N, C-alpha and C. Protein backbone atom coordinates (compact mmCIF):
# COMPACT_ATOMS: atom_id res chain seq x y z
N MET A 1 21.13 -22.24 -1.01
CA MET A 1 19.76 -21.77 -0.73
C MET A 1 18.76 -22.28 -1.78
N ASP A 2 17.60 -22.68 -1.34
CA ASP A 2 16.55 -23.12 -2.28
C ASP A 2 16.30 -22.06 -3.32
N LYS A 3 16.20 -22.48 -4.56
CA LYS A 3 16.04 -21.53 -5.66
C LYS A 3 14.69 -20.80 -5.68
N PHE A 4 13.73 -21.33 -4.89
CA PHE A 4 12.38 -20.76 -4.90
C PHE A 4 12.26 -19.46 -4.10
N TYR A 5 13.21 -19.16 -3.24
CA TYR A 5 13.01 -18.00 -2.35
C TYR A 5 14.31 -17.33 -2.03
N GLY A 6 14.24 -16.12 -1.48
CA GLY A 6 15.42 -15.39 -1.13
C GLY A 6 15.14 -14.48 0.08
N LYS A 7 16.21 -14.02 0.66
CA LYS A 7 16.10 -13.14 1.83
C LYS A 7 15.59 -11.78 1.36
N ILE A 8 14.76 -11.14 2.16
CA ILE A 8 14.25 -9.79 1.87
C ILE A 8 14.78 -8.79 2.90
N LYS A 9 14.99 -7.57 2.44
CA LYS A 9 15.59 -6.56 3.26
C LYS A 9 14.64 -5.91 4.28
N ILE A 10 14.10 -6.74 5.16
CA ILE A 10 13.23 -6.24 6.26
C ILE A 10 13.81 -6.77 7.56
N ASN A 11 14.13 -5.86 8.46
CA ASN A 11 14.64 -6.29 9.77
C ASN A 11 13.46 -6.69 10.63
N PRO A 12 13.44 -7.98 11.07
CA PRO A 12 12.27 -8.47 11.82
C PRO A 12 11.94 -7.67 13.07
N GLN A 13 12.91 -7.28 13.87
CA GLN A 13 12.63 -6.56 15.09
C GLN A 13 12.08 -5.19 14.74
N LYS A 14 12.66 -4.54 13.77
CA LYS A 14 12.13 -3.19 13.36
C LYS A 14 10.71 -3.32 12.83
N LEU A 15 10.45 -4.41 12.13
CA LEU A 15 9.11 -4.63 11.62
C LEU A 15 8.12 -4.76 12.82
N TYR A 16 8.49 -5.54 13.79
CA TYR A 16 7.63 -5.72 14.98
C TYR A 16 7.42 -4.41 15.66
N ASN A 17 8.49 -3.64 15.87
CA ASN A 17 8.32 -2.33 16.53
C ASN A 17 7.45 -1.42 15.75
N GLY A 18 7.57 -1.45 14.40
CA GLY A 18 6.76 -0.59 13.57
C GLY A 18 5.28 -1.00 13.61
N CYS A 19 5.00 -2.30 13.67
CA CYS A 19 3.62 -2.75 13.80
C CYS A 19 3.00 -2.33 15.14
N ILE A 20 3.80 -2.47 16.22
CA ILE A 20 3.33 -2.00 17.48
C ILE A 20 3.05 -0.53 17.45
N PHE A 21 3.95 0.23 16.81
CA PHE A 21 3.79 1.70 16.70
C PHE A 21 2.47 2.06 16.01
N MET A 22 2.20 1.40 14.88
CA MET A 22 0.93 1.72 14.15
C MET A 22 -0.27 1.30 14.94
N ALA A 23 -0.21 0.17 15.62
CA ALA A 23 -1.39 -0.29 16.39
C ALA A 23 -1.62 0.67 17.53
N VAL A 24 -0.60 1.18 18.17
CA VAL A 24 -0.74 2.15 19.24
C VAL A 24 -1.31 3.45 18.72
N ALA A 25 -0.76 3.91 17.56
CA ALA A 25 -1.26 5.17 16.95
C ALA A 25 -2.74 5.03 16.65
N HIS A 26 -3.14 3.91 16.13
CA HIS A 26 -4.54 3.63 15.83
C HIS A 26 -5.36 3.67 17.14
N ALA A 27 -4.89 3.02 18.19
CA ALA A 27 -5.60 2.94 19.44
C ALA A 27 -5.79 4.33 20.04
N VAL A 28 -4.79 5.18 19.91
CA VAL A 28 -4.84 6.53 20.48
C VAL A 28 -5.86 7.40 19.72
N THR A 29 -6.04 7.15 18.44
CA THR A 29 -6.87 8.03 17.61
C THR A 29 -8.22 7.44 17.24
N VAL A 30 -8.46 6.16 17.48
CA VAL A 30 -9.66 5.50 16.97
C VAL A 30 -10.95 6.08 17.59
N GLY A 31 -10.86 6.68 18.80
CA GLY A 31 -12.04 7.30 19.42
C GLY A 31 -12.52 8.44 18.57
N GLU A 32 -11.63 9.11 17.90
CA GLU A 32 -11.98 10.24 17.03
C GLU A 32 -12.49 9.75 15.65
N TYR A 33 -11.99 8.60 15.25
CA TYR A 33 -12.32 8.05 13.94
C TYR A 33 -12.85 6.62 14.05
N PRO A 34 -13.99 6.46 14.74
CA PRO A 34 -14.50 5.07 15.00
C PRO A 34 -14.86 4.31 13.74
N ASN A 35 -15.13 5.03 12.64
CA ASN A 35 -15.53 4.38 11.38
C ASN A 35 -14.32 3.66 10.79
N PHE A 36 -13.11 3.94 11.26
CA PHE A 36 -11.93 3.28 10.76
C PHE A 36 -11.36 2.26 11.77
N ASN A 37 -12.24 1.73 12.58
CA ASN A 37 -11.74 0.84 13.65
C ASN A 37 -11.22 -0.45 13.13
N TYR A 38 -11.44 -0.76 11.87
CA TYR A 38 -10.95 -2.03 11.28
C TYR A 38 -9.54 -1.88 10.67
N GLU A 39 -8.99 -0.70 10.63
CA GLU A 39 -7.72 -0.51 9.91
C GLU A 39 -6.54 -1.17 10.53
N HIS A 40 -6.53 -1.27 11.86
CA HIS A 40 -5.45 -1.94 12.58
C HIS A 40 -6.00 -2.66 13.76
N SER A 41 -5.56 -3.88 14.00
CA SER A 41 -6.01 -4.65 15.15
C SER A 41 -4.94 -5.66 15.55
N TRP A 42 -4.99 -6.06 16.79
CA TRP A 42 -4.00 -7.02 17.31
C TRP A 42 -4.82 -8.15 17.93
N ASP A 43 -4.66 -9.40 17.43
CA ASP A 43 -5.41 -10.54 17.95
C ASP A 43 -4.43 -11.62 18.35
N GLY A 44 -4.11 -11.66 19.63
CA GLY A 44 -3.14 -12.66 20.11
C GLY A 44 -1.76 -12.39 19.54
N ILE A 45 -1.30 -13.28 18.69
CA ILE A 45 0.04 -13.12 18.11
C ILE A 45 -0.03 -12.50 16.69
N ASN A 46 -1.26 -12.12 16.32
CA ASN A 46 -1.51 -11.63 14.94
C ASN A 46 -1.81 -10.16 14.85
N TYR A 47 -1.05 -9.46 14.06
CA TYR A 47 -1.31 -8.01 13.78
C TYR A 47 -1.97 -7.95 12.42
N CYS A 48 -3.16 -7.28 12.37
CA CYS A 48 -3.93 -7.20 11.13
C CYS A 48 -4.06 -5.78 10.69
N MET A 49 -4.01 -5.54 9.36
CA MET A 49 -4.18 -4.21 8.80
C MET A 49 -5.08 -4.29 7.57
N ASN A 50 -5.77 -3.16 7.35
CA ASN A 50 -6.72 -3.09 6.22
C ASN A 50 -6.80 -1.65 5.81
N ASN A 51 -6.45 -1.36 4.50
CA ASN A 51 -6.42 0.03 4.09
C ASN A 51 -7.77 0.55 3.50
N SER A 52 -8.80 -0.33 3.54
CA SER A 52 -10.11 -0.05 3.03
C SER A 52 -10.16 0.21 1.53
N GLN A 53 -9.06 -0.09 0.83
CA GLN A 53 -8.98 0.12 -0.60
C GLN A 53 -8.58 -1.20 -1.30
N GLY A 54 -8.96 -2.30 -0.65
CA GLY A 54 -8.76 -3.60 -1.29
C GLY A 54 -7.49 -4.31 -0.87
N CYS A 55 -6.79 -3.72 0.04
CA CYS A 55 -5.53 -4.38 0.47
C CYS A 55 -5.58 -4.60 1.99
N ARG A 56 -5.21 -5.80 2.37
CA ARG A 56 -5.19 -6.15 3.80
C ARG A 56 -4.06 -7.16 4.02
N GLY A 57 -3.70 -7.31 5.26
CA GLY A 57 -2.63 -8.27 5.59
C GLY A 57 -2.60 -8.61 7.02
N THR A 58 -1.94 -9.75 7.32
CA THR A 58 -1.79 -10.17 8.70
C THR A 58 -0.31 -10.62 8.91
N ILE A 59 0.27 -10.23 9.99
CA ILE A 59 1.58 -10.71 10.35
C ILE A 59 1.50 -11.46 11.67
N THR A 60 1.98 -12.72 11.64
CA THR A 60 1.99 -13.54 12.84
C THR A 60 3.33 -13.43 13.48
N PHE A 61 3.40 -12.96 14.75
CA PHE A 61 4.60 -12.87 15.49
C PHE A 61 4.70 -13.96 16.56
N ASP A 62 5.13 -15.15 16.14
CA ASP A 62 5.30 -16.27 17.03
C ASP A 62 6.62 -16.04 17.81
N LYS A 63 6.76 -16.81 18.88
CA LYS A 63 8.02 -16.67 19.65
C LYS A 63 9.24 -17.02 18.83
N LYS A 64 9.07 -17.96 17.85
CA LYS A 64 10.23 -18.40 17.04
C LYS A 64 10.16 -17.84 15.60
N TYR A 65 8.92 -17.85 15.04
CA TYR A 65 8.79 -17.53 13.65
C TYR A 65 7.96 -16.26 13.41
N ILE A 66 8.16 -15.64 12.25
CA ILE A 66 7.35 -14.51 11.78
C ILE A 66 6.82 -14.84 10.39
N ILE A 67 5.52 -14.62 10.19
CA ILE A 67 4.87 -14.91 8.93
C ILE A 67 4.02 -13.72 8.54
N GLY A 68 4.12 -13.29 7.29
CA GLY A 68 3.28 -12.20 6.83
C GLY A 68 2.55 -12.65 5.57
N VAL A 69 1.24 -12.41 5.50
CA VAL A 69 0.45 -12.71 4.31
C VAL A 69 -0.33 -11.43 3.95
N PHE A 70 -0.44 -11.18 2.66
CA PHE A 70 -1.06 -9.97 2.17
C PHE A 70 -1.97 -10.27 0.99
N GLN A 71 -3.08 -9.52 0.94
CA GLN A 71 -4.09 -9.68 -0.08
C GLN A 71 -4.41 -8.35 -0.75
N ASN A 72 -4.25 -8.26 -2.04
CA ASN A 72 -4.65 -7.04 -2.77
C ASN A 72 -5.58 -7.42 -3.86
N ILE A 73 -6.89 -7.15 -3.68
CA ILE A 73 -7.87 -7.60 -4.63
C ILE A 73 -7.86 -6.75 -5.93
N SER A 74 -7.08 -5.62 -5.90
CA SER A 74 -7.00 -4.80 -7.09
C SER A 74 -5.97 -5.32 -8.09
N THR A 75 -5.08 -6.26 -7.66
CA THR A 75 -4.14 -6.78 -8.57
C THR A 75 -4.78 -7.78 -9.53
N LYS A 76 -4.17 -7.99 -10.62
CA LYS A 76 -4.70 -8.95 -11.59
C LYS A 76 -4.12 -10.29 -11.44
N THR A 77 -3.49 -10.54 -10.28
CA THR A 77 -2.84 -11.82 -10.02
C THR A 77 -3.84 -12.95 -10.00
N PRO A 78 -3.70 -13.96 -10.88
CA PRO A 78 -4.63 -15.06 -10.88
C PRO A 78 -4.56 -15.83 -9.50
N TYR A 79 -5.66 -16.41 -9.07
CA TYR A 79 -5.67 -17.13 -7.80
C TYR A 79 -4.69 -18.29 -7.91
N GLN A 80 -3.94 -18.50 -6.85
CA GLN A 80 -3.17 -19.73 -6.72
C GLN A 80 -3.15 -20.14 -5.21
N ASP A 81 -2.91 -21.39 -4.98
CA ASP A 81 -2.95 -21.91 -3.63
C ASP A 81 -1.94 -21.09 -2.75
N ALA A 82 -2.41 -20.61 -1.59
CA ALA A 82 -1.56 -19.83 -0.75
C ALA A 82 -0.26 -20.53 -0.35
N ILE A 83 -0.29 -21.88 -0.32
CA ILE A 83 0.90 -22.59 0.00
C ILE A 83 2.02 -22.34 -1.01
N ASN A 84 1.62 -21.99 -2.23
CA ASN A 84 2.66 -21.74 -3.27
C ASN A 84 3.57 -20.59 -2.89
N TYR A 85 3.07 -19.70 -2.04
CA TYR A 85 3.91 -18.61 -1.60
C TYR A 85 4.92 -18.98 -0.52
N PHE A 86 4.88 -20.24 -0.11
CA PHE A 86 5.70 -20.70 0.96
C PHE A 86 6.61 -21.83 0.51
N LYS A 87 6.96 -21.86 -0.79
CA LYS A 87 7.85 -22.85 -1.35
C LYS A 87 9.23 -22.72 -0.66
N GLY A 88 9.72 -23.82 -0.13
CA GLY A 88 10.99 -23.81 0.55
C GLY A 88 10.95 -23.51 1.99
N ALA A 89 9.78 -23.12 2.54
CA ALA A 89 9.64 -22.81 3.92
C ALA A 89 9.58 -24.09 4.74
N PRO A 90 10.11 -24.07 5.98
CA PRO A 90 10.05 -25.27 6.86
C PRO A 90 8.62 -25.66 7.11
N GLU A 91 8.39 -26.94 7.35
CA GLU A 91 7.02 -27.39 7.58
C GLU A 91 6.37 -26.74 8.82
N ALA A 92 7.20 -26.46 9.81
CA ALA A 92 6.63 -25.79 11.00
C ALA A 92 6.03 -24.42 10.67
N ILE A 93 6.70 -23.68 9.75
CA ILE A 93 6.20 -22.39 9.31
C ILE A 93 4.89 -22.53 8.55
N VAL A 94 4.88 -23.52 7.65
CA VAL A 94 3.67 -23.78 6.86
C VAL A 94 2.50 -24.06 7.77
N GLU A 95 2.69 -24.93 8.72
CA GLU A 95 1.61 -25.28 9.60
C GLU A 95 1.14 -24.08 10.47
N LEU A 96 2.10 -23.24 10.89
CA LEU A 96 1.75 -22.03 11.64
C LEU A 96 0.95 -21.08 10.77
N ALA A 97 1.34 -20.97 9.51
CA ALA A 97 0.60 -20.10 8.59
C ALA A 97 -0.83 -20.55 8.42
N LYS A 98 -0.97 -21.88 8.31
CA LYS A 98 -2.34 -22.42 8.16
C LYS A 98 -3.20 -22.15 9.37
N ALA A 99 -2.59 -22.30 10.58
CA ALA A 99 -3.34 -22.16 11.81
C ALA A 99 -3.59 -20.72 12.19
N GLU A 100 -2.73 -19.80 11.79
CA GLU A 100 -2.85 -18.40 12.22
C GLU A 100 -3.11 -17.46 11.03
N ALA A 101 -2.05 -17.04 10.34
CA ALA A 101 -2.15 -15.97 9.35
C ALA A 101 -3.20 -16.22 8.28
N PHE A 102 -3.27 -17.43 7.77
CA PHE A 102 -4.24 -17.75 6.67
C PHE A 102 -5.68 -17.48 7.14
N GLN A 103 -5.97 -17.59 8.39
CA GLN A 103 -7.35 -17.47 8.87
C GLN A 103 -7.88 -16.05 8.71
N TYR A 104 -7.00 -15.10 8.47
CA TYR A 104 -7.44 -13.71 8.34
C TYR A 104 -7.57 -13.23 6.89
N VAL A 105 -7.28 -14.10 5.95
CA VAL A 105 -7.37 -13.75 4.54
C VAL A 105 -8.19 -14.74 3.72
N LEU A 106 -9.23 -15.27 4.36
CA LEU A 106 -10.09 -16.30 3.77
C LEU A 106 -11.09 -15.57 2.77
N GLU A 107 -11.30 -16.20 1.65
CA GLU A 107 -12.27 -15.74 0.68
C GLU A 107 -13.06 -16.90 0.06
N ASN A 108 -14.14 -16.67 -0.56
CA ASN A 108 -14.91 -17.71 -1.24
C ASN A 108 -14.33 -17.86 -2.66
N ILE A 109 -13.63 -18.97 -2.86
CA ILE A 109 -13.01 -19.25 -4.15
C ILE A 109 -13.76 -20.46 -4.73
N ASP A 110 -14.54 -20.15 -5.81
CA ASP A 110 -15.31 -21.19 -6.50
C ASP A 110 -16.09 -22.06 -5.54
N GLY A 111 -16.75 -21.39 -4.58
CA GLY A 111 -17.62 -22.10 -3.64
C GLY A 111 -16.92 -22.69 -2.43
N GLU A 112 -15.61 -22.55 -2.38
CA GLU A 112 -14.81 -23.03 -1.23
C GLU A 112 -14.16 -21.88 -0.48
N THR A 113 -14.08 -21.98 0.80
CA THR A 113 -13.45 -20.94 1.64
C THR A 113 -11.95 -21.29 1.68
N LYS A 114 -11.13 -20.39 1.10
CA LYS A 114 -9.69 -20.61 1.04
C LYS A 114 -8.94 -19.31 1.33
N PRO A 115 -7.70 -19.45 1.81
CA PRO A 115 -6.89 -18.20 2.00
C PRO A 115 -6.49 -17.67 0.61
N TYR A 116 -6.68 -16.36 0.38
CA TYR A 116 -6.30 -15.78 -0.90
C TYR A 116 -5.28 -14.67 -0.63
N ILE A 117 -4.06 -14.86 -1.12
CA ILE A 117 -3.01 -13.89 -0.91
C ILE A 117 -2.26 -13.58 -2.21
N THR A 118 -1.64 -12.40 -2.22
CA THR A 118 -0.93 -11.96 -3.43
C THR A 118 0.58 -11.72 -3.09
N ALA A 119 0.92 -11.85 -1.81
CA ALA A 119 2.31 -11.72 -1.39
C ALA A 119 2.47 -12.32 0.01
N ALA A 120 3.66 -12.74 0.32
CA ALA A 120 3.91 -13.36 1.65
C ALA A 120 5.39 -13.35 1.96
N PHE A 121 5.72 -13.39 3.24
CA PHE A 121 7.05 -13.66 3.68
C PHE A 121 7.00 -14.52 4.89
N TRP A 122 8.17 -15.08 5.24
CA TRP A 122 8.27 -15.92 6.44
C TRP A 122 9.70 -15.91 6.91
N GLY A 123 9.89 -16.34 8.11
CA GLY A 123 11.27 -16.45 8.61
C GLY A 123 11.31 -16.49 10.13
N THR A 124 12.45 -16.05 10.68
CA THR A 124 12.66 -16.04 12.12
C THR A 124 12.87 -14.58 12.57
N TRP A 125 13.21 -14.39 13.85
CA TRP A 125 13.48 -13.05 14.36
C TRP A 125 14.88 -12.60 13.88
N ASN A 126 15.57 -13.44 13.08
CA ASN A 126 16.87 -13.05 12.53
C ASN A 126 16.77 -12.60 11.11
N GLU A 127 15.92 -13.23 10.31
CA GLU A 127 15.82 -12.92 8.88
C GLU A 127 14.55 -13.40 8.27
N LEU A 128 14.10 -12.72 7.24
CA LEU A 128 12.84 -13.04 6.56
C LEU A 128 13.08 -13.35 5.08
N TYR A 129 12.23 -14.19 4.52
CA TYR A 129 12.35 -14.66 3.14
C TYR A 129 11.03 -14.56 2.38
N SER A 130 11.12 -14.49 1.06
CA SER A 130 9.93 -14.43 0.23
C SER A 130 10.29 -15.11 -1.11
N ILE A 131 9.28 -15.61 -1.83
CA ILE A 131 9.54 -16.13 -3.16
C ILE A 131 9.66 -14.99 -4.16
N SER A 132 9.29 -13.78 -3.73
CA SER A 132 9.36 -12.61 -4.62
C SER A 132 10.54 -11.73 -4.27
N GLU A 133 11.06 -11.01 -5.28
CA GLU A 133 12.05 -9.95 -5.03
C GLU A 133 11.38 -8.87 -4.18
N TYR A 134 12.18 -8.15 -3.42
CA TYR A 134 11.63 -7.13 -2.51
C TYR A 134 10.68 -6.16 -3.20
N ASP A 135 11.15 -5.55 -4.30
CA ASP A 135 10.31 -4.56 -4.98
C ASP A 135 8.99 -5.15 -5.48
N GLU A 136 9.07 -6.34 -6.02
CA GLU A 136 7.82 -7.00 -6.49
C GLU A 136 6.96 -7.36 -5.26
N PHE A 137 7.58 -7.79 -4.25
CA PHE A 137 6.85 -8.16 -2.99
C PHE A 137 6.06 -6.93 -2.45
N MET A 138 6.74 -5.80 -2.42
CA MET A 138 6.06 -4.59 -1.92
C MET A 138 5.00 -4.14 -2.85
N LYS A 139 5.20 -4.16 -4.13
CA LYS A 139 4.21 -3.76 -5.12
C LYS A 139 2.96 -4.61 -5.08
N ASN A 140 3.13 -5.90 -4.85
CA ASN A 140 2.02 -6.82 -4.89
C ASN A 140 1.08 -6.75 -3.68
N SER A 141 1.33 -5.92 -2.70
CA SER A 141 0.41 -5.62 -1.63
C SER A 141 1.09 -5.31 -0.35
N ALA A 142 2.35 -5.65 -0.21
CA ALA A 142 3.05 -5.38 1.06
C ALA A 142 3.35 -3.89 1.28
N TYR A 143 3.00 -3.10 0.24
CA TYR A 143 3.14 -1.61 0.44
C TYR A 143 2.26 -1.09 1.56
N ILE A 144 1.32 -1.88 1.97
CA ILE A 144 0.51 -1.51 3.11
C ILE A 144 1.37 -1.41 4.39
N LEU A 145 2.60 -1.90 4.31
CA LEU A 145 3.54 -1.82 5.41
C LEU A 145 4.46 -0.59 5.35
N ASP A 146 4.19 0.33 4.45
CA ASP A 146 5.08 1.46 4.23
C ASP A 146 5.44 2.18 5.55
N VAL A 147 4.41 2.60 6.29
CA VAL A 147 4.67 3.37 7.55
C VAL A 147 5.34 2.50 8.58
N GLN A 148 4.92 1.25 8.68
CA GLN A 148 5.50 0.34 9.69
C GLN A 148 7.01 0.13 9.48
N LEU A 149 7.49 0.35 8.30
CA LEU A 149 8.87 0.11 8.01
C LEU A 149 9.70 1.41 8.05
N MET A 150 9.05 2.54 8.39
CA MET A 150 9.76 3.83 8.51
C MET A 150 10.49 3.92 9.84
N GLU A 151 11.45 4.81 9.92
CA GLU A 151 12.05 5.17 11.21
C GLU A 151 10.98 5.87 12.01
N THR A 152 11.13 5.85 13.33
CA THR A 152 10.05 6.28 14.23
C THR A 152 9.58 7.72 13.97
N GLN A 153 10.50 8.69 13.83
CA GLN A 153 10.08 10.06 13.67
C GLN A 153 9.36 10.27 12.33
N LYS A 154 9.84 9.59 11.29
CA LYS A 154 9.16 9.68 10.01
C LYS A 154 7.79 9.03 10.04
N ALA A 155 7.67 7.91 10.75
CA ALA A 155 6.39 7.27 10.93
C ALA A 155 5.40 8.18 11.71
N LEU A 156 5.92 8.88 12.70
CA LEU A 156 5.13 9.80 13.51
C LEU A 156 4.61 10.90 12.64
N MET A 157 5.42 11.46 11.73
CA MET A 157 4.97 12.49 10.84
C MET A 157 3.91 11.97 9.86
N ALA A 158 4.10 10.72 9.43
CA ALA A 158 3.10 10.14 8.53
C ALA A 158 1.75 9.97 9.23
N CYS A 159 1.78 9.56 10.51
CA CYS A 159 0.57 9.41 11.30
C CYS A 159 -0.07 10.80 11.54
N ASP A 160 0.77 11.81 11.75
CA ASP A 160 0.30 13.17 11.93
C ASP A 160 -0.50 13.62 10.68
N ASP A 161 0.09 13.31 9.51
CA ASP A 161 -0.58 13.71 8.23
C ASP A 161 -1.92 13.00 8.13
N TYR A 162 -1.97 11.78 8.57
CA TYR A 162 -3.20 10.95 8.39
C TYR A 162 -4.27 11.26 9.47
N TYR A 163 -3.82 11.40 10.76
CA TYR A 163 -4.80 11.54 11.83
C TYR A 163 -4.93 12.96 12.33
N GLY A 164 -3.94 13.82 12.03
CA GLY A 164 -3.96 15.17 12.63
C GLY A 164 -3.72 15.13 14.14
N LEU A 165 -2.53 14.72 14.51
CA LEU A 165 -2.24 14.49 15.94
C LEU A 165 -1.94 15.80 16.68
N THR A 166 -2.32 15.79 17.97
CA THR A 166 -1.87 16.84 18.86
C THR A 166 -0.53 16.46 19.41
N ASN A 167 0.19 17.44 20.03
CA ASN A 167 1.42 17.15 20.64
C ASN A 167 1.33 16.11 21.74
N LYS A 168 0.27 16.19 22.50
CA LYS A 168 0.05 15.23 23.58
C LYS A 168 -0.17 13.83 23.02
N GLN A 169 -0.90 13.73 21.90
CA GLN A 169 -1.08 12.44 21.28
C GLN A 169 0.22 11.85 20.77
N MET A 170 1.07 12.72 20.16
CA MET A 170 2.37 12.24 19.69
C MET A 170 3.17 11.72 20.84
N ASP A 171 3.21 12.46 21.94
CA ASP A 171 3.96 12.00 23.11
C ASP A 171 3.46 10.66 23.63
N LEU A 172 2.12 10.53 23.67
CA LEU A 172 1.53 9.32 24.18
C LEU A 172 1.86 8.10 23.24
N ILE A 173 1.77 8.32 21.95
CA ILE A 173 2.09 7.26 20.98
C ILE A 173 3.55 6.80 21.13
N LEU A 174 4.43 7.74 21.28
CA LEU A 174 5.86 7.40 21.41
C LEU A 174 6.09 6.66 22.69
N SER A 175 5.47 7.09 23.80
CA SER A 175 5.66 6.47 25.07
C SER A 175 5.10 5.10 25.13
N LEU A 176 3.81 4.91 24.72
CA LEU A 176 3.16 3.62 24.77
C LEU A 176 3.80 2.59 23.83
N SER A 177 4.15 3.06 22.60
CA SER A 177 4.73 2.07 21.63
C SER A 177 6.11 1.60 22.12
N LYS A 178 6.85 2.49 22.76
CA LYS A 178 8.16 2.10 23.29
C LYS A 178 7.96 1.05 24.42
N GLN A 179 7.04 1.34 25.30
CA GLN A 179 6.79 0.44 26.44
C GLN A 179 6.29 -0.89 25.93
N ARG A 180 5.38 -0.92 24.99
CA ARG A 180 4.74 -2.15 24.53
C ARG A 180 5.76 -3.03 23.70
N SER A 181 6.62 -2.37 22.96
CA SER A 181 7.56 -3.11 22.16
C SER A 181 8.71 -3.66 23.00
N GLN A 182 8.92 -3.11 24.18
CA GLN A 182 10.02 -3.56 25.03
C GLN A 182 9.59 -4.46 26.16
N THR A 183 8.31 -4.72 26.32
CA THR A 183 7.83 -5.60 27.42
C THR A 183 6.96 -6.72 26.81
N ASP A 184 7.00 -7.83 27.49
CA ASP A 184 6.22 -8.97 27.06
C ASP A 184 4.73 -8.63 27.00
N PHE A 185 4.03 -9.09 25.95
CA PHE A 185 2.61 -8.83 25.78
C PHE A 185 1.78 -9.28 26.95
N SER A 186 2.24 -10.28 27.68
CA SER A 186 1.49 -10.78 28.80
C SER A 186 1.47 -9.83 30.03
N ILE A 187 2.34 -8.84 29.95
CA ILE A 187 2.45 -7.87 31.05
C ILE A 187 1.62 -6.66 30.65
N PRO A 188 0.55 -6.34 31.39
CA PRO A 188 -0.28 -5.20 31.04
C PRO A 188 0.41 -3.87 31.30
N ILE A 189 0.09 -2.91 30.46
CA ILE A 189 0.53 -1.55 30.68
C ILE A 189 -0.64 -0.76 31.19
N ILE A 190 -0.52 -0.08 32.28
CA ILE A 190 -1.62 0.75 32.82
C ILE A 190 -1.49 2.12 32.37
N LEU A 191 -2.50 2.60 31.66
CA LEU A 191 -2.49 4.01 31.21
C LEU A 191 -3.33 4.84 32.17
N LYS A 192 -2.64 5.69 32.86
CA LYS A 192 -3.38 6.55 33.83
C LYS A 192 -4.09 7.65 33.05
N GLU A 193 -4.87 8.35 33.79
CA GLU A 193 -5.79 9.37 33.17
C GLU A 193 -4.98 10.35 32.27
N THR A 194 -5.41 10.55 31.07
CA THR A 194 -4.75 11.38 30.10
C THR A 194 -5.76 12.23 29.36
N ASP A 195 -5.39 13.41 28.95
CA ASP A 195 -6.28 14.26 28.16
C ASP A 195 -5.88 14.22 26.69
N ALA A 196 -5.15 13.16 26.29
CA ALA A 196 -4.74 12.97 24.90
C ALA A 196 -5.69 12.12 24.11
N LEU A 197 -6.75 11.61 24.75
CA LEU A 197 -7.71 10.70 24.07
C LEU A 197 -9.02 11.42 23.92
N TYR A 198 -9.65 11.31 22.77
CA TYR A 198 -10.87 12.03 22.46
C TYR A 198 -11.91 11.06 21.84
N GLY A 199 -13.19 11.55 21.86
CA GLY A 199 -14.21 10.82 21.18
C GLY A 199 -14.73 9.63 21.88
N ASP A 200 -14.98 8.54 21.14
CA ASP A 200 -15.60 7.34 21.64
C ASP A 200 -14.55 6.49 22.38
N LEU A 201 -14.51 6.62 23.73
CA LEU A 201 -13.46 5.93 24.47
C LEU A 201 -13.73 4.44 24.56
N ASN A 202 -14.96 3.96 24.24
CA ASN A 202 -15.20 2.49 24.15
C ASN A 202 -14.37 1.91 23.02
N GLU A 203 -14.36 2.60 21.87
CA GLU A 203 -13.52 2.15 20.75
C GLU A 203 -12.03 2.20 21.14
N THR A 204 -11.65 3.20 21.86
CA THR A 204 -10.26 3.32 22.32
C THR A 204 -9.88 2.14 23.26
N ARG A 205 -10.79 1.84 24.15
CA ARG A 205 -10.52 0.69 25.06
C ARG A 205 -10.38 -0.63 24.33
N ILE A 206 -11.22 -0.84 23.35
CA ILE A 206 -11.14 -2.10 22.58
C ILE A 206 -9.76 -2.26 21.95
N SER A 207 -9.29 -1.18 21.28
CA SER A 207 -8.00 -1.26 20.60
C SER A 207 -6.84 -1.34 21.60
N MET A 208 -6.97 -0.60 22.72
CA MET A 208 -5.94 -0.66 23.76
C MET A 208 -5.89 -2.03 24.37
N ASP A 209 -7.06 -2.61 24.65
CA ASP A 209 -7.15 -3.97 25.24
C ASP A 209 -6.41 -4.99 24.38
N GLU A 210 -6.51 -4.89 23.04
CA GLU A 210 -5.87 -5.79 22.13
C GLU A 210 -4.35 -5.76 22.33
N LEU A 211 -3.85 -4.63 22.77
CA LEU A 211 -2.41 -4.45 23.02
C LEU A 211 -2.06 -4.67 24.48
N ASN A 212 -3.03 -5.09 25.25
CA ASN A 212 -2.92 -5.31 26.75
C ASN A 212 -2.47 -4.00 27.38
N ILE A 213 -3.06 -2.93 26.90
CA ILE A 213 -2.90 -1.60 27.53
C ILE A 213 -4.23 -1.25 28.20
N LYS A 214 -4.22 -1.08 29.50
CA LYS A 214 -5.45 -0.91 30.27
C LYS A 214 -5.64 0.58 30.63
N LEU A 215 -6.80 1.14 30.23
CA LEU A 215 -7.11 2.52 30.58
C LEU A 215 -7.62 2.50 32.07
N GLU A 216 -7.01 3.31 32.87
CA GLU A 216 -7.39 3.41 34.27
C GLU A 216 -8.75 4.08 34.34
N GLU A 217 -9.68 3.44 35.03
CA GLU A 217 -11.05 4.02 35.14
C GLU A 217 -11.06 5.30 36.01
């Protein structure tokens, strides 16, 4: 194995399921908390998160590859070329990162627009790698994935603590996230009338649409 990187203990499929879960939880609750509509979003093959405290990240879920890039502006990490976080990665992954994930972490660096990251991973649906050890990787900004990496019931409790969920919202989150993670994104999920959604339903529709979940009119 190349000396620059090593395997990290994140199961790719569980990561994907966890990201779907958080995006669905956000979509179910965003009508109540529209000011936090930027915290989770899904754009094509890219899942984006932002904790509003200087940390954000994007995970690209390609059919073959998975790439995660994270930015924590509160760290004292000196700027370095984002490509440095991909030492040893196949060229196809580097090109995918440039085309997709890097586009969500662009900053003005000395007058030039460049991707600025403080942690990254890459790999396939079988295994993921990073140039950092797991603990260092999580500390440097990937801690924003804490809930996404939890088991479902623990993640649900974490969301309850954050959003104050009703029992109907919990049931809806569990149902929709299971359906969305088990069916191709190109297949829409039709959400029939429900009394588990509150507040600004336009915000709800936007987030649901990103997941190809359609609210029945």
